[in-house]
C-alpha atoms as a PDB file:
ATOM      1  CA  UNK A   1       0.075  -0.041   0.035  1.00  0.00           C
ATOM      2  CA  UNK A   2       3.099   2.386   1.030  1.00  0.00           C
ATOM      3  CA  UNK A   3       4.633   2.041  -2.548  1.00  0.00           C
ATOM      4  CA  UNK A   4       1.327   2.471  -4.666  1.00  0.00           C
ATOM      5  CA  UNK A   5       0.883   5.696  -2.331  1.00  0.00           C
ATOM      6  CA  UNK A   6       4.829   7.025  -3.293  1.00  0.00           C
ATOM      7  CA  UNK A   7       4.049   5.778  -6.922  1.00  0.00           C
ATOM      8  CA  UNK A   8       0.952   7.934  -7.084  1.00  0.00           C
ATOM      9  CA  UNK A   9       2.573  10.726  -5.472  1.00  0.00           C
ATOM     10  CA  UNK A  10       5.725  10.441  -8.051  1.00  0.00           C
ATOM     11  CA  UNK A  11       3.123   9.966 -10.910  1.00  0.00           C
ATOM     12  CA  UNK A  12       1.451  13.563  -9.966  1.00  0.00           C
ATOM     13  CA  UNK A  13       4.862  15.075  -9.726  1.00  0.00           C
ATOM     14  CA  UNK A  14       5.914  14.018 -13.182  1.00  0.00           C
ATOM     15  CA  UNK A  15       2.423  15.432 -14.286  1.00  0.00           C
ATOM     16  CA  UNK A  16       2.550  18.346 -12.644  1.00  0.00           C
ATOM     17  CA  UNK A  17       6.187  19.125 -13.947  1.00  0.00           C
ATOM     18  CA  UNK A  18       5.282  18.309 -17.609  1.00  0.00           C
ATOM     19  CA  UNK A  19       2.143  20.290 -17.526  1.00  0.00           C
ATOM     20  CA  UNK A  20       4.299  23.263 -16.129  1.00  0.00           C
ATOM     21  CA  UNK A  21       7.044  23.001 -18.839  1.00  0.00           C
ATOM     22  CA  UNK A  22       4.330  23.005 -21.178  1.00  0.00           C
ATOM     23  CA  UNK A  23       2.475  26.072 -19.928  1.00  0.00           C
ATOM     24  CA  UNK A  24       5.504  27.848 -19.199  1.00  0.00           C
ATOM     25  CA  UNK A  25       6.533  27.626 -23.147  1.00  0.00           C
ATOM     26  CA  UNK A  26       3.353  28.379 -24.304  1.00  0.00           C
ATOM     27  CA  UNK A  27       2.412  31.225 -22.080  1.00  0.00           C
ATOM     28  CA  UNK A  28       5.532  32.459 -20.578  1.00  0.00           C
ATOM     29  CA  UNK A  29       6.224  32.200 -16.890  1.00  0.00           C
ATOM     30  CA  UNK A  30       5.372  35.500 -15.898  1.00  0.00           C
ATOM     31  CA  UNK A  31       1.839  35.048 -17.476  1.00  0.00           C
ATOM     32  CA  UNK A  32       1.080  31.492 -16.300  1.00  0.00           C
ATOM     33  CA  UNK A  33      -0.757  31.377 -12.911  1.00  0.00           C
ATOM     34  CA  UNK A  34      -0.834  28.856 -10.391  1.00  0.00           C
ATOM     35  CA  UNK A  35      -4.441  28.207 -11.350  1.00  0.00           C
ATOM     36  CA  UNK A  36      -3.270  27.764 -14.733  1.00  0.00           C
ATOM     37  CA  UNK A  37      -1.214  24.544 -13.557  1.00  0.00           C
ATOM     38  CA  UNK A  38      -3.724  23.332 -11.031  1.00  0.00           C
ATOM     39  CA  UNK A  39      -6.408  23.200 -13.604  1.00  0.00           C
ATOM     40  CA  UNK A  40      -3.939  21.268 -16.544  1.00  0.00           C
ATOM     41  CA  UNK A  41      -3.320  18.494 -13.841  1.00  0.00           C
ATOM     42  CA  UNK A  42      -6.702  18.571 -12.264  1.00  0.00           C
ATOM     43  CA  UNK A  43      -6.303  19.463  -8.859  1.00  0.00           C
ATOM     44  CA  UNK A  44      -7.670  22.333  -7.028  1.00  0.00           C
ATOM     45  CA  UNK A  45      -5.315  25.209  -6.204  1.00  0.00           C
ATOM     46  CA  UNK A  46      -5.211  24.482  -2.708  1.00  0.00           C
ATOM     47  CA  UNK A  47      -4.305  20.912  -3.530  1.00  0.00           C
ATOM     48  CA  UNK A  48      -1.590  21.889  -5.851  1.00  0.00           C
ATOM     49  CA  UNK A  49       0.419  23.414  -2.799  1.00  0.00           C
ATOM     50  CA  UNK A  50       0.353  19.724  -1.345  1.00  0.00           C
ATOM     51  CA  UNK A  51       2.908  19.000  -4.129  1.00  0.00           C
ATOM     52  CA  UNK A  52       4.874  22.606  -4.703  1.00  0.00           C
ATOM     53  CA  UNK A  53       5.574  25.370  -2.747  1.00  0.00           C
ATOM     54  CA  UNK A  54       5.290  28.059  -5.315  1.00  0.00           C
ATOM     55  CA  UNK A  55       5.369  28.361  -8.963  1.00  0.00           C
ATOM     56  CA  UNK A  56       8.989  29.595  -8.746  1.00  0.00           C
ATOM     57  CA  UNK A  57      10.164  26.197  -7.009  1.00  0.00           C
ATOM     58  CA  UNK A  58       8.539  24.912 -10.101  1.00  0.00           C
ATOM     59  CA  UNK A  59      10.711  26.640 -12.579  1.00  0.00           C
ATOM     60  CA  UNK A  60      13.860  25.840 -10.579  1.00  0.00           C
ATOM     61  CA  UNK A  61      12.996  22.338 -10.902  1.00  0.00           C
ATOM     62  CA  UNK A  62      13.354  22.921 -14.768  1.00  0.00           C
ATOM     63  CA  UNK A  63      16.132  24.627 -14.329  1.00  0.00           C
ATOM     64  CA  UNK A  64      17.686  21.616 -12.028  1.00  0.00           C
ATOM     65  CA  UNK A  65      16.487  18.861 -14.593  1.00  0.00           C
ATOM     66  CA  UNK A  66      17.974  20.679 -17.496  1.00  0.00           C
ATOM     67  CA  UNK A  67      21.625  21.231 -16.387  1.00  0.00           C
ATOM     68  CA  UNK A  68      22.259  18.169 -13.851  1.00  0.00           C
ATOM     69  CA  UNK A  69      22.968  15.445 -15.827  1.00  0.00           C
ATOM     70  CA  UNK A  70      24.630  17.616 -18.750  1.00  0.00           C
ATOM     71  CA  UNK A  71      27.010  18.954 -16.193  1.00  0.00           C
ATOM     72  CA  UNK A  72      27.982  15.240 -15.283  1.00  0.00           C
ATOM     73  CA  UNK A  73      28.218  14.213 -18.530  1.00  0.00           C
ATOM     74  CA  UNK A  74      30.773  17.356 -19.334  1.00  0.00           C
ATOM     75  CA  UNK A  75      32.721  16.437 -16.001  1.00  0.00           C
ATOM     76  CA  UNK A  76      32.861  12.982 -17.173  1.00  0.00           C
ATOM     77  CA  UNK A  77      34.103  13.770 -20.735  1.00  0.00           C
ATOM     78  CA  UNK A  78      36.915  16.147 -19.181  1.00  0.00           C
ATOM     79  CA  UNK A  79      38.356  13.260 -16.665  1.00  0.00           C
ATOM     80  CA  UNK A  80      38.533  10.926 -19.993  1.00  0.00           C
ATOM     81  CA  UNK A  81      41.561  10.044 -21.566  1.00  0.00           C
ATOM     82  CA  UNK A  82      40.347  11.662 -24.841  1.00  0.00           C
ATOM     83  CA  UNK A  83      42.623  14.543 -26.477  1.00  0.00           C
ATOM     84  CA  UNK A  84      41.716  18.127 -26.226  1.00  0.00           C
ATOM     85  CA  UNK A  85      39.934  17.953 -29.537  1.00  0.00           C
ATOM     86  CA  UNK A  86      37.806  14.772 -29.166  1.00  0.00           C
ATOM     87  CA  UNK A  87      36.852  15.815 -25.582  1.00  0.00           C
ATOM     88  CA  UNK A  88      35.538  19.367 -27.315  1.00  0.00           C
ATOM     89  CA  UNK A  89      33.667  17.526 -29.792  1.00  0.00           C
ATOM     90  CA  UNK A  90      31.830  15.175 -27.303  1.00  0.00           C
ATOM     91  CA  UNK A  91      31.372  18.202 -25.111  1.00  0.00           C
ATOM     92  CA  UNK A  92      29.266  19.932 -27.899  1.00  0.00           C
ATOM     93  CA  UNK A  93      27.243  16.952 -28.964  1.00  0.00           C
ATOM     94  CA  UNK A  94      26.453  16.289 -25.390  1.00  0.00           C
ATOM     95  CA  UNK A  95      25.297  19.833 -24.966  1.00  0.00           C
ATOM     96  CA  UNK A  96      23.221  19.883 -28.238  1.00  0.00           C
ATOM     97  CA  UNK A  97      21.787  16.038 -27.749  1.00  0.00           C
ATOM     98  CA  UNK A  98      20.511  16.989 -24.150  1.00  0.00           C
ATOM     99  CA  UNK A  99      18.782  20.240 -25.689  1.00  0.00           C
ATOM    100  CA  UNK A 100      17.363  18.342 -28.697  1.00  0.00           C
ATOM    101  CA  UNK A 101      15.915  15.661 -26.500  1.00  0.00           C
ATOM    102  CA  UNK A 102      14.664  17.866 -23.936  1.00  0.00           C
ATOM    103  CA  UNK A 103      13.493  21.092 -26.330  1.00  0.00           C
ATOM    104  CA  UNK A 104      10.677  21.921 -24.162  1.00  0.00           C
ATOM    105  CA  UNK A 105      12.205  21.977 -20.773  1.00  0.00           C
ATOM    106  CA  UNK A 106      15.647  23.844 -22.044  1.00  0.00           C
ATOM    107  CA  UNK A 107      13.451  26.318 -23.785  1.00  0.00           C
ATOM    108  CA  UNK A 108      11.794  27.363 -20.988  1.00  0.00           C
ATOM    109  CA  UNK A 109      15.399  27.472 -18.927  1.00  0.00           C
ATOM    110  CA  UNK A 110      16.778  29.304 -21.604  1.00  0.00           C
ATOM    111  CA  UNK A 111      14.036  32.260 -22.057  1.00  0.00           C
ATOM    112  CA  UNK A 112      13.073  32.200 -18.341  1.00  0.00           C
ATOM    113  CA  UNK A 113      15.873  32.131 -16.321  1.00  0.00           C
ATOM    114  CA  UNK A 114      16.102  35.485 -15.173  1.00  0.00           C
ATOM    115  CA  UNK A 115      12.645  35.369 -13.558  1.00  0.00           C
ATOM    116  CA  UNK A 116      14.134  33.444 -10.572  1.00  0.00           C
ATOM    117  CA  UNK A 117      15.238  35.502  -7.341  1.00  0.00           C
ATOM    118  CA  UNK A 118      17.557  35.368  -4.653  1.00  0.00           C
ATOM    119  CA  UNK A 119      19.429  32.372  -3.857  1.00  0.00           C
ATOM    120  CA  UNK A 120      17.601  30.337  -7.097  1.00  0.00           C
ATOM    121  CA  UNK A 121      18.721  32.632  -9.091  1.00  0.00           C
ATOM    122  CA  UNK A 122      22.349  32.549  -7.495  1.00  0.00           C
ATOM    123  CA  UNK A 123      22.360  28.813  -7.786  1.00  0.00           C
ATOM    124  CA  UNK A 124      21.301  28.766 -11.507  1.00  0.00           C
ATOM    125  CA  UNK A 125      23.792  31.501 -12.181  1.00  0.00           C
ATOM    126  CA  UNK A 126      26.204  29.432 -10.368  1.00  0.00           C
ATOM    127  CA  UNK A 127      25.523  26.337 -12.694  1.00  0.00           C
ATOM    128  CA  UNK A 128      25.655  28.052 -15.881  1.00  0.00           C
ATOM    129  CA  UNK A 129      29.027  29.327 -14.955  1.00  0.00           C
ATOM    130  CA  UNK A 130      30.287  26.105 -13.904  1.00  0.00           C
ATOM    131  CA  UNK A 131      29.398  24.917 -17.575  1.00  0.00           C
ATOM    132  CA  UNK A 132      31.297  27.752 -19.002  1.00  0.00           C
ATOM    133  CA  UNK A 133      34.431  26.828 -16.787  1.00  0.00           C
ATOM    134  CA  UNK A 134      33.950  22.736 -18.015  1.00  0.00           C
ATOM    135  CA  UNK A 135      34.393  24.148 -21.493  1.00  0.00           C
ATOM    136  CA  UNK A 136      37.046  26.590 -20.290  1.00  0.00           C
ATOM    137  CA  UNK A 137      39.012  23.680 -18.969  1.00  0.00           C
ATOM    138  CA  UNK A 138      38.877  21.597 -22.259  1.00  0.00           C
ATOM    139  CA  UNK A 139      39.911  24.586 -24.168  1.00  0.00           C
ATOM    140  CA  UNK A 140      42.847  25.610 -22.089  1.00  0.00           C
ATOM    141  CA  UNK A 141      44.120  21.711 -22.094  1.00  0.00           C
ATOM    142  CA  UNK A 142      44.045  22.140 -25.800  1.00  0.00           C
ATOM    143  CA  UNK A 143      46.147  25.336 -25.776  1.00  0.00           C
ATOM    144  CA  UNK A 144      48.567  23.609 -23.453  1.00  0.00           C
ATOM    145  CA  UNK A 145      49.094  20.454 -25.344  1.00  0.00           C
ATOM    146  CA  UNK A 146      49.223  22.655 -28.734  1.00  0.00           C
ATOM    147  CA  UNK A 147      46.022  21.224 -30.297  1.00  0.00           C
ATOM    148  CA  UNK A 148      44.595  24.865 -30.301  1.00  0.00           C
ATOM    149  CA  UNK A 149      46.106  28.143 -30.808  1.00  0.00           C
ATOM    150  CA  UNK A 150      46.384  30.479 -28.175  1.00  0.00           C
ATOM    151  CA  UNK A 151      43.035  32.269 -27.584  1.00  0.00           C
ATOM    152  CA  UNK A 152      41.015  33.763 -24.742  1.00  0.00           C
ATOM    153  CA  UNK A 153      39.939  30.353 -23.301  1.00  0.00           C
ATOM    154  CA  UNK A 154      36.829  32.223 -21.286  1.00  0.00           C
ATOM    155  CA  UNK A 155      35.748  34.466 -24.191  1.00  0.00           C
ATOM    156  CA  UNK A 156      35.968  30.850 -26.713  1.00  0.00           C
ATOM    157  CA  UNK A 157      33.626  28.584 -24.344  1.00  0.00           C
ATOM    158  CA  UNK A 158      31.000  31.630 -23.597  1.00  0.00           C
ATOM    159  CA  UNK A 159      30.937  31.741 -27.489  1.00  0.00           C
ATOM    160  CA  UNK A 160      30.423  28.172 -27.727  1.00  0.00           C
ATOM    161  CA  UNK A 161      27.678  28.168 -25.167  1.00  0.00           C
ATOM    162  CA  UNK A 162      25.887  31.044 -26.934  1.00  0.00           C
ATOM    163  CA  UNK A 163      25.841  29.094 -30.250  1.00  0.00           C
ATOM    164  CA  UNK A 164      24.769  25.924 -28.837  1.00  0.00           C
ATOM    165  CA  UNK A 165      21.987  27.705 -26.649  1.00  0.00           C
ATOM    166  CA  UNK A 166      20.627  29.607 -29.458  1.00  0.00           C
ATOM    167  CA  UNK A 167      19.553  26.070 -31.136  1.00  0.00           C
ATOM    168  CA  UNK A 168      16.279  26.307 -29.155  1.00  0.00           C
ATOM    169  CA  UNK A 169      15.213  29.408 -31.095  1.00  0.00           C
ATOM    170  CA  UNK A 170      15.064  27.595 -34.285  1.00  0.00           C
ATOM    171  CA  UNK A 171      15.418  23.910 -33.891  1.00  0.00           C
ATOM    172  CA  UNK A 172      12.566  21.367 -34.759  1.00  0.00           C
ATOM    173  CA  UNK A 173      12.736  17.715 -34.444  1.00  0.00           C
ATOM    174  CA  UNK A 174      10.870  17.353 -38.092  1.00  0.00           C
ATOM    175  CA  UNK A 175      13.854  19.620 -39.709  1.00  0.00           C
ATOM    176  CA  UNK A 176      16.352  18.066 -42.431  1.00  0.00           C
ATOM    177  CA  UNK A 177      19.028  17.501 -39.717  1.00  0.00           C
ATOM    178  CA  UNK A 178      19.752  15.304 -36.819  1.00  0.00           C
ATOM    179  CA  UNK A 179      21.185  16.467 -33.314  1.00  0.00           C
ATOM    180  CA  UNK A 180      24.325  14.255 -34.087  1.00  0.00           C
ATOM    181  CA  UNK A 181      24.433  16.168 -37.724  1.00  0.00           C
ATOM    182  CA  UNK A 182      23.977  19.552 -36.023  1.00  0.00           C
ATOM    183  CA  UNK A 183      26.576  18.736 -33.414  1.00  0.00           C
ATOM    184  CA  UNK A 184      29.197  17.607 -36.042  1.00  0.00           C
ATOM    185  CA  UNK A 185      28.879  21.020 -38.014  1.00  0.00           C
ATOM    186  CA  UNK A 186      29.212  22.926 -35.067  1.00  0.00           C
ATOM    187  CA  UNK A 187      32.228  20.897 -33.404  1.00  0.00           C
ATOM    188  CA  UNK A 188      34.037  21.187 -36.719  1.00  0.00           C
ATOM    189  CA  UNK A 189      33.497  25.229 -36.978  1.00  0.00           C
ATOM    190  CA  UNK A 190      34.549  25.254 -33.198  1.00  0.00           C
ATOM    191  CA  UNK A 191      37.646  22.965 -33.784  1.00  0.00           C
ATOM    192  CA  UNK A 192      38.577  24.532 -37.120  1.00  0.00           C
ATOM    193  CA  UNK A 193      38.558  27.870 -36.080  1.00  0.00           C
ATOM    194  CA  UNK A 194      41.108  27.002 -32.761  1.00  0.00           C
ATOM    195  CA  UNK A 195      43.142  24.840 -34.512  1.00  0.00           C
ATOM    196  CA  UNK A 196      46.693  26.162 -34.370  1.00  0.00           C
ATOM    197  CA  UNK A 197      47.657  27.845 -37.799  1.00  0.00           C
ATOM    198  CA  UNK A 198      50.340  26.421 -39.955  1.00  0.00           C
ATOM    199  CA  UNK A 199      52.686  29.336 -41.150  1.00  0.00           C
END
C-alpha cells in the first residue's frame, strides 16, 4: 500500500512538472498562474500546494533537470583520456543532444532563467558559470597541449555556449538535420577555428 501511495505521488509530481513546462513555454512564466497549472493537472489550487511550495519552485526544478545531467556528462568527458579535440567534439554533442531531446524543458530554462530571484537565481547562475568553466578547461587543455592556438579560453567557452544555447530558437525535430549532424557541423566549426594555424 505504501509503495502505491509513493508511486501515485511520483506520477502526480511528473504530471505537474510536464504541464508546468508546457504552459510556461506556451504562455511564458510571468503570464502563467498557479491556477493554470492546477487546472491542467485536475487539482484544486489549494491541493496543488501539497506538491509544490510556489510557481518559482517549479521553475527552479526545470532548471535543475535541464542542467544536472549535462554537468555530470561534461565532467566525465573532461576526466576521460581523450584528446582535447575529441573532448570538445563530445562536449558540444552532449550539449546539443540534451537540448534537442528535452527541447521544451531547455526552452523554458533558457528563456525564463532571469525570472528567478534570490538564492535560486544565484544557484542557476552558478550552474551556468560551471558549464562555462568546464568548456574553458577543455580549451585550455588544448592550448597547453598545442592542439589549439592561444586564445582567450573564457571568451571561447562563452561563444560556444551561446552558439549551442541559441539552438532552442530554431531547432525542430522535423527539420532536415538530426541532433548528431548539427553537432558535427558546430563542433567542426569550433575546432577548425581553434586549430593552430600552420605558417
